[in-house]
Every structure is written in structure tokens, then in C-alpha cells.
Protein backbone atom coordinates (compact mmCIF):
# COMPACT_ATOMS: atom_id res chain seq x y z
CA MET A 1 -9.43 -14.83 0.57
CA LEU A 2 -6.49 -14.43 -2.25
CA PHE A 3 -7.28 -12.59 -5.35
CA ASN A 4 -4.88 -15.19 -6.31
CA SER A 5 -6.81 -17.73 -6.12
CA LEU A 6 -9.42 -19.78 -8.03
CA HIS A 7 -11.79 -19.41 -4.82
CA PHE A 8 -11.65 -15.48 -5.62
CA VAL A 9 -12.15 -16.46 -9.78
CA VAL A 10 -15.11 -18.16 -8.79
CA PHE A 11 -16.22 -15.73 -6.08
CA PHE A 12 -16.22 -13.15 -8.30
CA LEU A 13 -18.03 -15.09 -10.91
CA VAL A 14 -20.61 -15.59 -8.61
CA VAL A 15 -21.06 -11.99 -7.44
CA THR A 16 -20.63 -9.93 -10.29
CA PRO A 17 -23.84 -11.32 -12.42
CA LEU A 18 -25.51 -11.49 -8.98
CA TYR A 19 -25.08 -7.49 -8.71
CA PHE A 20 -26.04 -7.08 -11.45
CA ILE A 21 -29.48 -9.07 -11.44
CA LEU A 22 -30.72 -8.19 -8.23
CA PRO A 23 -32.88 -4.83 -7.64
CA HIS A 24 -30.48 -2.14 -7.16
CA LYS A 25 -31.93 -1.61 -3.43
CA PHE A 26 -30.83 -5.05 -2.93
CA ARG A 27 -27.85 -4.59 -3.69
CA TRP A 28 -25.51 -3.57 -0.71
CA ILE A 29 -27.26 -6.49 0.86
CA LEU A 30 -25.54 -8.57 -1.32
CA LEU A 31 -22.00 -6.55 -0.95
CA LEU A 32 -22.29 -6.76 2.65
CA THR A 33 -22.82 -10.69 2.92
CA ALA A 34 -19.86 -10.95 -0.32
CA SER A 35 -17.39 -8.93 1.86
CA CYS A 36 -17.88 -10.37 5.10
CA TYR A 37 -17.66 -13.82 3.67
CA PHE A 38 -14.71 -12.70 1.81
CA TYR A 39 -12.78 -11.68 4.78
CA MET A 40 -14.22 -14.39 7.65
CA THR A 41 -11.98 -16.90 4.77
CA PHE A 42 -8.93 -15.26 6.32
CA ILE A 43 -10.01 -15.55 10.17
CA PRO A 44 -13.50 -15.72 11.00
CA ILE A 45 -13.57 -14.39 14.21
CA TYR A 46 -11.95 -11.46 13.70
CA ILE A 47 -14.88 -10.11 12.09
CA LEU A 48 -15.72 -9.13 15.17
CA ILE A 49 -13.21 -6.92 15.61
CA LEU A 50 -14.71 -4.98 11.90
CA ILE A 51 -18.40 -5.40 13.74
CA PHE A 52 -17.28 -3.64 16.91
CA THR A 53 -15.38 -0.77 15.22
CA ILE A 54 -18.26 -0.21 12.70
CA ILE A 55 -20.49 0.22 15.34
CA VAL A 56 -18.31 2.85 17.68
CA ASP A 57 -17.65 4.37 14.44
CA TYR A 58 -21.27 4.91 13.12
CA PHE A 59 -23.02 5.84 16.07
CA ALA A 60 -20.05 8.47 17.03
CA GLY A 61 -20.76 9.74 13.14
CA ILE A 62 -24.12 10.46 14.16
CA LEU A 63 -23.38 12.03 17.32
CA ILE A 64 -20.75 14.31 16.20
CA GLU A 65 -22.73 15.72 13.42
CA LYS A 66 -25.43 16.13 16.24
CA SER A 67 -23.51 17.53 18.87
CA GLU A 68 -21.00 21.18 19.23
CA GLY A 69 -17.96 22.24 20.76
CA ARG A 70 -16.38 20.18 23.14
CA GLU A 71 -18.98 17.38 23.18
CA ARG A 72 -18.33 16.55 19.75
CA LYS A 73 -15.00 16.62 20.21
CA LEU A 74 -15.09 13.51 22.91
CA TYR A 75 -17.26 12.00 20.37
CA LEU A 76 -14.20 12.39 17.76
CA ILE A 77 -12.20 11.29 20.59
CA ILE A 78 -13.57 8.15 21.66
CA SER A 79 -13.94 7.14 17.86
CA LEU A 80 -10.51 7.60 16.97
CA VAL A 81 -9.42 5.52 20.45
CA ALA A 82 -11.35 2.80 20.05
CA ASN A 83 -9.57 2.15 16.60
CA ILE A 84 -6.45 2.87 17.19
CA GLY A 85 -6.47 0.96 20.30
CA VAL A 86 -7.68 -2.19 18.43
CA LEU A 87 -4.76 -1.53 16.32
CA ALA A 88 -2.46 -0.77 18.98
CA PHE A 89 -3.31 -3.95 20.59
CA PHE A 90 -2.98 -6.38 17.77
CA LYS A 91 -0.14 -4.85 15.47
CA TYR A 92 2.13 -3.29 18.50
CA PHE A 93 1.61 -4.98 21.65
CA ASN A 94 4.29 -7.16 21.50
CA PHE A 95 6.33 -4.54 19.84
CA LEU A 96 6.25 -1.89 22.64
CA ASN A 97 6.19 -4.96 25.54
CA GLU A 98 9.57 -6.06 24.21
CA ASN A 99 10.94 -2.66 24.16
CA LEU A 100 9.86 -2.13 27.71
CA THR A 101 11.08 -5.19 29.19
CA LEU A 102 14.71 -4.21 27.34
CA LEU A 103 14.55 -0.93 29.17
CA MET A 104 13.21 -2.07 32.54
CA GLY A 105 16.32 -4.29 32.00
CA GLU A 106 19.03 -2.13 32.12
CA PHE A 107 17.47 -0.67 35.59
CA GLY A 108 17.63 -4.46 36.94
CA LEU A 109 13.87 -4.86 36.79
CA SER A 110 12.00 -7.35 34.94
CA ASN A 111 8.55 -7.37 33.16
CA ALA A 112 5.96 -9.28 34.23
CA VAL A 113 3.73 -8.81 31.36
CA PRO A 114 3.67 -11.87 28.97
CA TYR A 115 4.21 -11.96 25.73
CA LEU A 116 0.73 -12.92 23.84
CA SER A 117 0.59 -14.92 20.89
CA ILE A 118 -1.62 -12.70 18.82
CA ILE A 119 -2.38 -13.65 15.02
CA LEU A 120 -2.32 -10.05 13.01
CA PRO A 121 -5.97 -9.69 11.36
CA VAL A 122 -5.87 -8.99 7.63
CA GLY A 123 -5.33 -5.40 6.50
CA LEU A 124 -5.57 -4.04 10.05
CA SER A 125 -4.38 -1.07 9.36
CA PHE A 126 -6.19 -0.07 6.05
CA HIS A 127 -9.57 -0.65 7.31
CA THR A 128 -8.43 0.96 10.34
CA PHE A 129 -7.20 3.79 8.70
CA GLN A 130 -10.26 4.44 6.16
CA ALA A 131 -12.58 3.93 9.37
CA MET A 132 -10.78 7.14 11.35
CA SER A 133 -10.51 9.07 7.79
CA TYR A 134 -14.88 8.61 8.47
CA THR A 135 -15.15 10.19 11.92
CA ILE A 136 -12.61 12.64 10.98
CA GLU A 137 -14.22 14.54 7.94
CA VAL A 138 -17.02 13.90 9.57
CA TYR A 139 -16.50 16.12 12.39
CA ARG A 140 -14.68 18.64 10.03
CA GLY A 141 -18.04 19.15 8.06
CA ASN A 142 -16.75 17.48 5.59
CA GLN A 143 -19.19 14.53 5.02
CA SER A 144 -22.81 14.18 6.18
CA ALA A 145 -23.10 11.58 9.10
CA GLU A 146 -24.19 8.14 6.97
CA LYS A 147 -27.30 7.01 8.67
CA HIS A 148 -27.68 3.95 6.88
CA PHE A 149 -25.95 1.30 9.35
CA GLY A 150 -25.35 -1.14 6.16
CA ILE A 151 -23.94 1.59 3.81
CA TYR A 152 -21.91 2.31 6.47
CA SER A 153 -20.71 -1.32 7.42
CA LEU A 154 -20.29 -1.60 3.09
CA TYR A 155 -17.70 1.49 3.36
CA VAL A 156 -15.73 -0.03 5.45
CA MET A 157 -15.98 -3.72 4.93
CA PHE A 158 -16.27 -3.07 0.55
CA TYR A 159 -14.72 -6.24 -0.16
CA PRO A 160 -12.47 -5.26 -2.92
CA GLN A 161 -10.59 -2.29 -1.12
CA LEU A 162 -10.73 -4.30 2.66
CA VAL A 163 -7.46 -5.60 3.25
CA ALA A 164 -4.93 -4.04 1.02
CA GLY A 165 -6.63 -0.29 -0.07
CA PRO A 166 -6.74 2.21 -1.41
CA ILE A 167 -8.20 3.29 1.51
CA GLU A 168 -10.91 5.35 0.63
CA ARG A 169 -12.39 8.58 1.91
CA PRO A 170 -15.76 8.99 2.81
CA GLN A 171 -16.52 11.49 0.03
CA ASN A 172 -15.39 9.37 -2.90
CA LEU A 173 -16.99 6.24 -1.90
CA LEU A 174 -19.81 6.49 0.31
CA HIS A 175 -21.75 8.32 -1.86
CA GLN A 176 -21.55 5.47 -4.55
CA PHE A 177 -23.27 2.72 -3.02
CA TYR A 178 -26.17 4.77 -3.62
CA GLU A 179 -25.55 5.22 -7.68
CA LYS A 180 -27.43 2.79 -9.43
CA HIS A 181 -24.47 1.15 -11.72
CA GLN A 182 -25.17 -0.50 -15.02
CA LEU A 183 -22.96 -3.35 -16.65
CA THR A 184 -20.87 -0.89 -19.79
CA TYR A 185 -18.82 -1.96 -22.00
CA GLU A 186 -16.37 0.73 -21.03
CA ASN A 187 -16.40 -0.06 -17.11
CA PHE A 188 -15.66 -3.73 -18.69
CA SER A 189 -13.10 -2.89 -20.67
CA ILE A 190 -11.24 -0.76 -18.10
CA GLY A 191 -11.47 -3.03 -15.20
CA PHE A 192 -10.65 -5.80 -17.70
CA LYS A 193 -7.72 -4.26 -18.32
CA MET A 194 -6.75 -3.54 -14.61
CA ILE A 195 -7.74 -6.80 -13.27
CA LEU A 196 -5.56 -8.37 -16.46
CA TRP A 197 -2.79 -6.44 -15.78
CA GLY A 198 -2.66 -6.95 -12.11
CA PHE A 199 -2.75 -10.28 -12.56
CA PHE A 200 0.65 -10.34 -14.35
CA GLN A 201 2.13 -7.70 -12.01
CA LYS A 202 1.78 -10.01 -9.30
CA LEU A 203 2.18 -13.60 -10.53
CA VAL A 204 4.66 -13.52 -13.54
CA VAL A 205 6.87 -10.27 -11.67
CA ALA A 206 6.25 -9.97 -8.21
CA ASP A 207 5.90 -13.99 -6.91
CA ARG A 208 9.11 -15.08 -9.00
CA LEU A 209 11.33 -12.14 -8.07
CA SER A 210 10.40 -13.05 -4.62
CA ILE A 211 11.62 -16.78 -4.82
CA PHE A 212 15.15 -15.29 -5.38
CA VAL A 213 14.61 -12.46 -3.23
CA SER A 214 13.12 -14.24 -0.30
CA ALA A 215 16.62 -17.15 -0.31
CA VAL A 216 18.92 -14.23 -0.26
CA TYR A 217 17.03 -12.06 2.48
CA GLN A 218 16.82 -15.37 4.62
CA ASN A 219 20.62 -15.86 4.94
CA PRO A 220 22.29 -12.54 3.52
CA GLY A 221 25.50 -13.35 4.97
CA ALA A 222 25.53 -16.45 2.39
CA TYR A 223 25.89 -14.78 -1.06
CA SER A 224 28.29 -12.57 -2.13
CA SER A 225 28.12 -8.86 -2.98
CA SER A 226 26.35 -9.03 -6.33
CA MET A 227 23.97 -11.17 -5.37
CA LEU A 228 23.25 -9.08 -2.40
CA LEU A 229 22.88 -6.17 -4.96
CA VAL A 230 20.39 -7.71 -7.33
CA ALA A 231 18.16 -9.14 -4.83
CA ILE A 232 17.99 -5.32 -3.57
CA LEU A 233 16.91 -3.96 -7.07
CA PHE A 234 14.68 -7.03 -7.19
CA PHE A 235 12.90 -6.55 -3.72
CA ALA A 236 11.82 -2.69 -5.03
CA PHE A 237 9.86 -4.60 -8.07
CA GLN A 238 8.64 -7.28 -6.65
CA ILE A 239 6.98 -5.05 -3.82
CA TYR A 240 5.87 -2.49 -6.42
CA ALA A 241 4.91 -5.47 -8.56
CA ASP A 242 3.10 -7.03 -5.73
CA PHE A 243 1.67 -3.77 -4.41
CA ALA A 244 0.64 -2.15 -7.20
CA GLY A 245 -1.06 -5.62 -8.86
CA TYR A 246 -3.71 -5.86 -6.01
CA SER A 247 -4.86 -2.34 -6.37
CA ASN A 248 -5.42 -3.11 -9.74
CA ILE A 249 -7.07 -6.01 -8.99
CA ALA A 250 -9.20 -4.04 -6.44
CA LEU A 251 -9.78 -1.40 -8.78
CA GLY A 252 -10.62 -3.59 -11.74
CA THR A 253 -13.20 -6.00 -10.00
CA ALA A 254 -14.85 -2.68 -8.41
CA ARG A 255 -14.93 -0.51 -11.92
CA ILE A 256 -17.02 -3.31 -13.33
CA MET A 257 -19.50 -3.10 -10.85
CA GLY A 258 -18.85 0.91 -10.92
CA PHE A 259 -17.37 2.10 -8.30
CA LYS A 260 -14.60 3.90 -8.98
CA LEU A 261 -11.80 3.83 -6.42
CA MET A 262 -8.36 6.12 -6.06
CA THR A 263 -5.55 5.33 -8.41
CA ASN A 264 -2.81 4.32 -5.27
CA PHE A 265 0.12 3.94 -8.04
CA ASN A 266 1.05 6.18 -10.67
CA THR A 267 4.77 5.11 -12.43
CA PRO A 268 6.58 5.75 -9.14
CA PHE A 269 9.67 4.98 -10.44
CA PHE A 270 10.27 7.97 -13.07
CA SER A 271 9.55 9.97 -9.69
CA THR A 272 12.89 13.20 -9.66
CA SER A 273 12.26 13.65 -6.52
CA VAL A 274 11.97 11.57 -3.38
CA THR A 275 8.84 13.63 -2.41
CA GLU A 276 7.72 13.43 -5.94
CA TYR A 277 7.88 10.01 -5.27
CA TRP A 278 5.44 9.43 -2.72
CA ARG A 279 2.70 11.67 -4.72
CA ARG A 280 3.60 8.71 -6.85
CA TRP A 281 3.58 5.52 -4.43
CA HIS A 282 0.77 4.07 -2.01
CA ILE A 283 -1.06 7.61 -2.67
CA SER A 284 -4.03 6.78 -0.73
CA LEU A 285 -1.44 5.86 2.44
CA ASN A 286 0.37 9.31 1.55
CA THR A 287 -2.16 11.30 1.31
CA TRP A 288 -4.25 10.11 4.23
CA PHE A 289 -1.25 10.93 6.16
CA SER A 290 -1.45 14.37 4.65
CA ASP A 291 -4.09 15.27 5.62
CA TYR A 292 -4.87 14.16 8.95
CA LEU A 293 -0.97 14.32 10.57
CA PHE A 294 1.40 16.33 8.65
CA THR A 295 -1.04 19.10 8.12
CA PRO A 296 -2.02 19.63 10.98
CA ILE A 297 1.17 19.11 12.95
CA MET A 298 2.63 22.38 10.83
CA ILE A 299 -0.70 24.01 11.57
CA ALA A 300 -0.65 23.38 15.09
CA ASN A 301 3.73 24.59 15.01
CA ARG A 302 3.23 27.57 12.30
CA ASP A 303 5.05 30.17 14.65
CA TRP A 304 7.93 28.02 14.24
CA GLY A 305 8.37 28.65 10.38
CA LYS A 306 10.39 25.99 8.63
CA ALA A 307 10.94 24.44 11.57
CA ALA A 308 7.79 23.68 11.61
CA VAL A 309 7.47 21.60 8.21
CA VAL A 310 10.66 19.74 9.16
CA LEU A 311 9.20 18.41 12.76
CA ALA A 312 5.73 17.49 10.82
CA LEU A 313 7.65 15.69 8.35
CA MET A 314 10.21 13.46 10.22
CA ILE A 315 6.69 12.44 12.71
CA THR A 316 4.75 12.07 9.92
CA PHE A 317 7.47 9.63 7.79
CA GLY A 318 8.37 8.20 11.28
CA LEU A 319 4.55 7.31 11.60
CA SER A 320 4.22 6.33 8.32
CA GLY A 321 7.24 3.36 8.90
CA LEU A 322 5.95 2.65 12.18
CA TRP A 323 2.40 2.09 10.46
CA HIS A 324 4.31 -0.36 7.73
CA GLY A 325 5.08 -2.77 10.36
CA ALA A 326 6.22 -3.11 14.20
CA GLY A 327 9.80 -2.95 15.02
CA TRP A 328 12.72 -0.89 14.69
CA THR A 329 13.67 -1.50 11.09
CA TYR A 330 9.95 -0.08 10.00
CA ILE A 331 10.63 2.93 11.90
CA VAL A 332 14.38 3.84 10.48
CA TYR A 333 13.10 3.01 6.79
CA GLY A 334 10.20 5.51 7.54
CA LEU A 335 12.96 8.39 8.80
CA LEU A 336 15.16 8.11 6.08
CA HIS A 337 12.72 8.61 3.80
CA GLY A 338 11.65 12.08 5.97
CA VAL A 339 15.40 12.75 5.85
CA ALA A 340 15.17 12.50 1.99
CA VAL A 341 11.52 14.38 1.65
CA THR A 342 13.10 16.96 4.50
CA TYR A 343 16.27 17.55 2.73
CA GLU A 344 14.51 18.36 -0.97
CA PHE A 345 12.52 20.74 1.39
CA LEU A 346 15.32 22.81 2.93
CA THR A 347 17.31 22.86 -0.46
CA LYS A 348 14.66 23.84 -2.90
CA LYS A 349 15.99 26.65 -4.14
CA PHE A 350 19.27 25.93 -4.89
CA ARG A 351 18.14 22.52 -6.65
CA LYS A 352 15.93 24.73 -9.36
CA LYS A 353 19.20 26.75 -10.05
CA LEU A 354 21.34 23.67 -10.42
CA SER A 355 18.31 22.80 -12.92
CA LYS A 356 18.78 25.46 -14.71
CA ALA A 357 22.29 25.31 -15.25
CA ILE A 358 22.31 21.28 -16.46
CA PRO A 359 20.21 20.24 -19.75
CA ALA A 360 16.78 18.94 -18.40
CA ILE A 361 17.24 15.77 -19.82
CA ILE A 362 20.51 14.88 -17.63
CA TYR A 363 19.40 16.93 -15.01
CA ASN A 364 15.73 14.53 -14.76
CA ASN A 365 17.58 11.25 -15.43
CA LEU A 366 20.22 11.77 -13.27
CA SER A 367 17.64 12.69 -10.69
CA MET A 368 16.05 9.47 -11.87
CA LEU A 369 17.93 7.43 -11.02
CA LEU A 370 19.49 8.79 -7.67
CA VAL A 371 15.81 8.55 -6.36
CA PHE A 372 15.27 4.98 -7.51
CA ILE A 373 19.05 4.09 -5.61
CA TYR A 374 18.64 5.71 -2.34
CA VAL A 375 14.47 4.57 -2.45
CA CYS A 376 16.70 0.43 -3.20
CA LEU A 377 18.55 0.90 -0.24
CA THR A 378 15.87 2.05 2.23
CA TRP A 379 14.04 -1.00 0.81
CA VAL A 380 16.44 -2.89 2.93
CA PHE A 381 15.28 -1.88 6.26
CA PHE A 382 12.17 -2.69 5.05
CA ARG A 383 12.81 -6.11 4.27
CA ALA A 384 15.82 -7.83 6.35
CA GLN A 385 14.41 -9.94 9.10
CA SER A 386 16.25 -7.64 11.74
CA PHE A 387 18.32 -4.67 11.85
CA SER A 388 21.60 -6.26 12.39
CA ASP A 389 20.08 -8.70 9.64
CA ALA A 390 20.20 -4.85 7.25
CA LEU A 391 23.25 -3.59 8.68
CA LEU A 392 25.17 -7.10 7.31
CA ILE A 393 23.81 -6.46 3.71
CA PHE A 394 25.03 -2.85 3.83
CA LYS A 395 28.70 -4.41 5.13
CA ARG A 396 29.15 -7.17 2.00
CA LEU A 397 27.14 -4.76 -0.09
CA PHE A 398 29.96 -1.76 0.29
CA ALA A 399 32.82 -4.59 1.29
CA PHE A 400 32.30 -6.10 -2.33
CA GLN A 401 32.39 -9.57 -0.29
CA GLY A 402 32.93 -12.47 -2.97
CA SER A 403 33.28 -12.31 -6.91
CA PHE A 404 30.78 -9.10 -8.12
CA PHE A 405 30.42 -11.00 -10.97
CA VAL A 406 29.37 -14.20 -10.44
CA PHE A 407 25.99 -14.76 -9.45
CA ASP A 408 26.09 -18.27 -7.83
CA ASN A 409 24.35 -20.28 -10.50
CA ASN A 410 21.25 -18.37 -10.39
CA LEU A 411 22.21 -16.15 -14.36
CA GLY A 412 19.09 -18.44 -15.82
CA VAL A 413 16.71 -16.64 -13.04
CA ILE A 414 18.47 -13.44 -13.27
CA ILE A 415 17.85 -13.17 -16.74
CA TYR A 416 14.38 -14.30 -16.70
CA SER A 417 13.73 -11.53 -13.47
CA LEU A 418 15.42 -8.73 -16.14
CA VAL A 419 13.39 -9.26 -18.85
CA ALA A 420 9.82 -9.65 -16.15
CA ILE A 421 11.28 -6.44 -14.96
CA PHE A 422 11.89 -4.88 -18.67
CA ILE A 423 8.22 -5.60 -19.03
CA LEU A 424 6.64 -4.03 -16.66
CA LEU A 425 8.92 -0.80 -16.94
CA ALA A 426 7.61 -0.56 -20.60
CA HIS A 427 4.29 -0.59 -19.51
CA ASP A 428 5.15 2.21 -16.99
CA LEU A 429 6.86 4.24 -19.52
CA SER A 430 4.12 3.90 -21.52
CA VAL A 431 1.62 4.88 -18.61
CA HIS A 432 4.18 7.79 -18.19
CA LEU A 433 4.01 9.40 -21.46
CA ASN A 434 0.50 8.78 -22.68
CA HIS A 435 -1.59 10.50 -20.49
CA GLY A 436 -2.04 7.77 -17.66
CA LYS A 437 -2.58 5.44 -20.01
CA SER A 438 -0.98 2.15 -21.27
CA TYR A 439 -0.06 2.48 -24.91
CA PHE A 440 -0.09 -1.36 -25.20
CA LEU A 441 -3.34 -1.84 -23.24
CA TYR A 442 -5.44 1.22 -24.76
CA HIS A 443 -3.81 1.33 -28.39
CA LYS A 444 -6.18 2.60 -30.90
CA LEU A 445 -5.64 -0.38 -33.10
CA ALA A 446 -7.35 -3.61 -32.09
CA ALA A 447 -4.98 -5.70 -32.98
CA VAL A 448 -2.64 -4.16 -30.66
CA ARG A 449 -4.65 -4.25 -28.31
CA MET A 450 -5.80 -8.21 -28.82
CA ALA A 451 -2.11 -9.54 -28.93
CA THR A 452 -1.18 -7.51 -25.83
CA TYR A 453 -3.88 -8.95 -24.15
CA CYS A 454 -2.96 -12.57 -25.74
CA PHE A 455 0.24 -12.40 -24.62
CA ILE A 456 -0.19 -11.22 -20.98
CA LEU A 457 -2.22 -14.16 -20.89
CA VAL A 458 -0.47 -16.60 -22.48
CA THR A 459 2.46 -15.57 -19.83
CA ILE A 460 0.61 -15.82 -17.17
CA VAL A 461 -0.53 -19.13 -18.06
CA LEU A 462 3.37 -20.25 -18.43
CA ILE A 463 5.02 -18.26 -15.99
CA GLY A 464 2.91 -16.92 -13.42
CA VAL A 465 3.54 -18.40 -9.99
CA PHE A 466 0.25 -19.76 -8.45
CA ASP A 467 1.09 -20.62 -5.36
CA GLY A 468 2.81 -17.93 -4.44
CA GLY A 469 1.20 -16.74 -1.13
CA GLN A 470 -0.77 -13.85 -0.60
CA PHE A 471 0.00 -10.03 -1.38
CA ILE A 472 2.94 -8.69 0.41
CA TYR A 473 0.48 -5.60 1.89
CA PHE A 474 -1.67 -7.91 3.93
CA LYS A 475 0.61 -8.24 6.57
CA PHE A 476 -0.22 -4.45 7.55
């Protein structure tokens, strides 16, 4: 079920009132049933995958808590193998098989393993990582094993964040299913604002930009350097508005019911370093990789000094890229960010001295601009349909193919898009400068808030793309 659909609006308007009407002890049943229905509107049979991993991890958590020594580690390994195995089969089987075929071909051998026509289960990477965080935290002793099978199932399947995050830790979410939530003005107000802004990001910004971006990336060789540059810039804002929009809708729907999910985006385009960017972009995934991959690798190789950090960074970012998609373009995307963060780590002292030698306003704004440009360029590998397309885009971009200031009869679309991006950045700037709250949506004057709500609603109705399709991150 898509958030940006009438189906979801009806679903939300039915489930939410029922949640507050029902006695507290029955609410988990409603949410679990609703979450199952929500997921089954995509490909119903794929709920069996979730049921399988839920059963494995539920019993693994209990057995880990009861066991000691090697036996304890064995149950954790069984849980991780089950989860990673499912993810590897559905998401990476064909990628690995294709590369095996190419490798065997270099030696004159043929690969008899067939290509499988597999449809990737929506949001598989998200709920797989959330499930793994549970058994890992139980193993580490940071979380008690959940004995209530229904509550544990709901932890994995909670519909607001089931298919695209944020990836929650059990310490943050599990206990909330036991708490009795009341409908309060504060929760409704905060939740409504998140949902409203999320729909604006998705329907007005992301889906409008996607029309232009998709046309260019489908046939990059047909466009001039100026058009390619615009598409590169627009995609950065498209994917941000798309994913942050989903996250805001998810957080808002959960908040109205009283649940507090973790913030997934924090004005990432105001980052002054790539390291800071990853603390602000897809925060739940970044912290997941930091806690469960980067830190263990670094600790295991601590005797290597700085080399241990570099090794951990490159492995983490390489696998982070692979997490986003089964293709070499995604791996290159991840490694490029790993290289940037490694550079920042190794030059930390030098950059600190440089920042003191240059006026702060110049240094910070120049750093912000350079980070944004670097991020935009790395997105080319993420968005391009193939590695050759990505290289073609860079070749034409830097060779100044075509008339650079001619926009091929797309000037109207570009002007509209720039206005939408300006509104997006104005909102984010207000959040950045106003202690995490939008100056417009949280203004102390009710008249300003109401004017903002009306403007967003009217803009969504008049300009929003209501058939723009699913969220980008659903395919992950």
C-alpha cells in the first residue's frame, strides 16, 4: 500500500480511530492485523517470508537469553544466517550469478545456474535489518528477549515503518507497544504537521522532479551538458524529498497514535563535511552500520591504529552501497563516500587548522557547497541505469556537450522545479536555524501556522502528482 494513495487515506482513517476506541489489551491485535493487510496489498504471498524470519528470530532471542558461551553464539548465527540468507536470495542471487557467469567465461567455462525471475519483496532490506538488530541486542545483553510472540511480530511489522524505515532498535520501539497511548493534542498536532510536510515533499517536490530526471537518465546520450547538470542536481533533491517525505509520513502516522519513531533525516544538505552528511542522512541506517559493522571491525583490528579505521570505513560504505542495490554502480557509490569520509578522517587536524585561518562564514559555506557538489556527483552512479551510462553522463557533462545554456524547451519545468526546491530548502533552513523545528509550521502565531497549512494543502491539491508511483526506497 502506498502512502500517497486514497487506499492509504481510508486505511489510516479506519485504523487510527479504532486504535483509540479499542481497550489497550486488544490494540496490538489491531495493529498487527492492519500491518499484515498493509504489507499484503503489495504481493500477498510474500508475507510468508516475514512470518518465517519472525518465527526464527523470536525463538532465537529466547534461546540466546537462556544460553551461555558457544551455544549462545550459535543461536545468534542461526538467526543472522536465516535473515541474511533470505535477503541474499531475493536481492542478490541474480547479481552474484551474473558476475559468476562473467568470471567463469574468462576461463572458457559456462555457468549452468539459471537466472531467476524474482520480484524483490518490498522493503526487505529494512525489516531484515530491524529483525537482526533485535537478536544482536539480545545477544549483547542490551535487550531482554520478547516473550510475547504477537508483540515481537508487531515490532517487525509495524506498518508505518515496515517497508522503508526508519530502522528501529528494540530498545526504542518494543516497550512502546505495552504503553497505553491516549489521543492528545500535542501528538495529533506534531503528527499532522509531519504528514502534511511529508506529502508536500513527496507529491509536490519529488514526484514533479522525477518526471524530468527520469526522462534524462533513460537516455542520457540525447541531452546536452546543461540538461545533464540540471538532472544531476534535481535528482539529489528528488531522492531526498522522496525518502524524507516517506519518513515524515511514517513518523507522523505513528506519532498520532502516540508512538515516537527515530528521526531519519536532519537537514542533510546543510552539512559541512561528508561525515556530517551521513550523520544527517538516513540516520537509522547509518547508525545501524556504525553499531553492527564499523565498530566491530574497528575493534577487531584495533592494533592497526588508523589503518583499522580506514579498513572499517571502506568495508562499511562498500556494503552500505550494496545494501541499496544489487549492482556495481551502487558499490561504487558507497565506496566513493567511503573515500571521502576516509579523507576527512586522515586530514582532520589539517582541516581544523585551515578552518581557523579562514573566516568561519566563508569556510563553512564553502565546505557546505563542496559537500553538496560531491554528493550530487556520487548520486550519478546511484541513479544511472548502468555503469556505462554513468560514465557517459560524466563524459558529456565535463566535455560541455551541446549549448550549455539551452534547456531544450524545458525552461518552464526547470523554473517550477527550482521554486519547489527553494521552498524545500527554506523549510530546511528554518529547521536548521530553529533548533530542529520548522519556523513556519511551528510559528508562535496561529495565523502564520494556519497560512502555512493552507499554502501546503493548496499546493498539494493543485500541483501535486497523485500518480507518481511508489517511493524510491521501496525497492530496497
